[in-house]
Amino acid sequence: MEKRERYYEPETFKKITAQIQLNAELIAAIERDDAPAIDALVEKGAQVDTINNQGTPLIIAIKSNITNAVMSLLQNRANPLS
């Protein structure tokens, strides 16, 4: 069986990379308990229900007891069931 390489068009690769960066910035804002930054990043397109090795942004905020971040994520429609 032949192994196929995955190839992304440069524009697609840029979009994926930008999304990953936004989501990483969202996690950093959560860790700082910076609700205005969380709101701004969500407005820019950061995904409130993205999942990384620590869980979703909401789970990260809850586990760390970062109250302002939890409230901001819920106000930005983070799914508490995901």
C-alpha atoms as a PDB file:
ATOM      1  CA  MET A   1       0.000   0.000   0.000  1.00  0.00           C
ATOM      2  CA  GLU A   2       1.402   3.350  -1.038  1.00  0.00           C
ATOM      3  CA  LYS A   3       1.765   6.027   1.623  1.00  0.00           C
ATOM      4  CA  ARG A   4       0.361   9.369   0.473  1.00  0.00           C
ATOM      5  CA  GLU A   5       1.808  12.632   1.666  1.00  0.00           C
ATOM      6  CA  ARG A   6      -0.536  15.346   2.778  1.00  0.00           C
ATOM      7  CA  TYR A   7      -0.121  18.638   0.989  1.00  0.00           C
ATOM      8  CA  TYR A   8      -1.807  21.920   1.766  1.00  0.00           C
ATOM      9  CA  GLU A   9      -1.970  24.893  -0.523  1.00  0.00           C
ATOM     10  CA  PRO A  10       0.077  27.793   0.899  1.00  0.00           C
ATOM     11  CA  GLU A  11      -3.056  29.844   1.643  1.00  0.00           C
ATOM     12  CA  THR A  12      -4.673  26.940   3.490  1.00  0.00           C
ATOM     13  CA  PHE A  13      -1.491  26.382   5.480  1.00  0.00           C
ATOM     14  CA  LYS A  14      -1.445  30.087   6.453  1.00  0.00           C
ATOM     15  CA  LYS A  15      -5.063  29.879   7.656  1.00  0.00           C
ATOM     16  CA  ILE A  16      -4.398  26.764   9.726  1.00  0.00           C
ATOM     17  CA  THR A  17      -1.273  28.302  11.245  1.00  0.00           C
ATOM     18  CA  ALA A  18      -3.121  31.540  12.071  1.00  0.00           C
ATOM     19  CA  GLN A  19      -5.926  29.587  13.770  1.00  0.00           C
ATOM     20  CA  ILE A  20      -3.437  27.608  15.852  1.00  0.00           C
ATOM     21  CA  GLN A  21      -1.747  30.868  16.890  1.00  0.00           C
ATOM     22  CA  LEU A  22      -5.065  32.486  17.883  1.00  0.00           C
ATOM     23  CA  ASN A  23      -6.016  29.451  19.951  1.00  0.00           C
ATOM     24  CA  ALA A  24      -2.605  29.470  21.685  1.00  0.00           C
ATOM     25  CA  GLU A  25      -3.043  33.164  22.475  1.00  0.00           C
ATOM     26  CA  LEU A  26      -6.488  32.363  23.904  1.00  0.00           C
ATOM     27  CA  ILE A  27      -4.985  29.796  26.281  1.00  0.00           C
ATOM     28  CA  ALA A  28      -2.321  32.326  27.339  1.00  0.00           C
ATOM     29  CA  ALA A  29      -5.025  34.949  28.025  1.00  0.00           C
ATOM     30  CA  ILE A  30      -6.935  32.403  30.110  1.00  0.00           C
ATOM     31  CA  GLU A  31      -3.824  31.630  32.147  1.00  0.00           C
ATOM     32  CA  ARG A  32      -3.400  35.389  32.776  1.00  0.00           C
ATOM     33  CA  ASP A  33      -7.121  35.673  33.675  1.00  0.00           C
ATOM     34  CA  ASP A  34      -7.374  38.449  31.106  1.00  0.00           C
ATOM     35  CA  ALA A  35     -11.081  38.627  30.215  1.00  0.00           C
ATOM     36  CA  PRO A  36     -10.737  41.610  27.829  1.00  0.00           C
ATOM     37  CA  ALA A  37      -8.031  39.739  25.878  1.00  0.00           C
ATOM     38  CA  ILE A  38     -10.202  36.608  25.793  1.00  0.00           C
ATOM     39  CA  ASP A  39     -13.096  38.623  24.368  1.00  0.00           C
ATOM     40  CA  ALA A  40     -10.835  40.269  21.774  1.00  0.00           C
ATOM     41  CA  LEU A  41      -9.325  36.950  20.682  1.00  0.00           C
ATOM     42  CA  VAL A  42     -12.756  35.343  20.322  1.00  0.00           C
ATOM     43  CA  GLU A  43     -13.801  38.350  18.240  1.00  0.00           C
ATOM     44  CA  LYS A  44     -10.759  37.709  16.014  1.00  0.00           C
ATOM     45  CA  GLY A  45     -11.789  34.073  15.583  1.00  0.00           C
ATOM     46  CA  ALA A  46     -10.179  32.101  18.404  1.00  0.00           C
ATOM     47  CA  GLN A  47     -12.145  28.895  18.992  1.00  0.00           C
ATOM     48  CA  VAL A  48     -13.594  28.649  22.506  1.00  0.00           C
ATOM     49  CA  ASP A  49     -14.225  24.903  22.137  1.00  0.00           C
ATOM     50  CA  THR A  50     -10.875  23.891  20.683  1.00  0.00           C
ATOM     51  CA  ILE A  51      -9.166  20.958  22.407  1.00  0.00           C
ATOM     52  CA  ASN A  52      -5.502  20.550  23.257  1.00  0.00           C
ATOM     53  CA  ASN A  53      -3.654  18.148  25.563  1.00  0.00           C
ATOM     54  CA  GLN A  54      -5.023  20.026  28.627  1.00  0.00           C
ATOM     55  CA  GLY A  55      -8.641  19.996  27.443  1.00  0.00           C
ATOM     56  CA  THR A  56     -10.872  22.812  26.205  1.00  0.00           C
ATOM     57  CA  PRO A  57     -10.203  26.438  27.200  1.00  0.00           C
ATOM     58  CA  LEU A  58     -13.168  26.246  29.596  1.00  0.00           C
ATOM     59  CA  ILE A  59     -11.840  23.091  31.273  1.00  0.00           C
ATOM     60  CA  ILE A  60      -8.412  24.703  31.620  1.00  0.00           C
ATOM     61  CA  ALA A  61      -9.950  27.774  33.270  1.00  0.00           C
ATOM     62  CA  ILE A  62     -12.134  25.688  35.604  1.00  0.00           C
ATOM     63  CA  LYS A  63      -9.281  23.384  36.675  1.00  0.00           C
ATOM     64  CA  SER A  64      -7.123  26.428  37.420  1.00  0.00           C
ATOM     65  CA  ASN A  65      -9.976  28.212  39.242  1.00  0.00           C
ATOM     66  CA  ILE A  66      -9.667  31.254  36.962  1.00  0.00           C
ATOM     67  CA  THR A  67     -13.105  32.745  37.541  1.00  0.00           C
ATOM     68  CA  ASN A  68     -13.016  35.751  35.194  1.00  0.00           C
ATOM     69  CA  ALA A  69     -11.812  33.551  32.349  1.00  0.00           C
ATOM     70  CA  VAL A  70     -14.599  31.018  33.028  1.00  0.00           C
ATOM     71  CA  MET A  71     -17.225  33.757  32.915  1.00  0.00           C
ATOM     72  CA  SER A  72     -15.752  35.294  29.769  1.00  0.00           C
ATOM     73  CA  LEU A  73     -15.638  31.933  27.979  1.00  0.00           C
ATOM     74  CA  LEU A  74     -19.236  31.147  28.923  1.00  0.00           C
ATOM     75  CA  GLN A  75     -20.345  34.593  27.743  1.00  0.00           C
ATOM     76  CA  ASN A  76     -18.581  33.823  24.461  1.00  0.00           C
ATOM     77  CA  ARG A  77     -20.635  30.618  24.119  1.00  0.00           C
ATOM     78  CA  ALA A  78     -18.079  28.044  25.244  1.00  0.00           C
ATOM     79  CA  ASN A  79     -19.840  24.693  25.456  1.00  0.00           C
ATOM     80  CA  PRO A  80     -19.678  23.414  29.043  1.00  0.00           C
ATOM     81  CA  LEU A  81     -20.486  19.901  27.798  1.00  0.00           C
ATOM     82  CA  SER A  82     -17.579  19.597  25.363  1.00  0.00           C
END
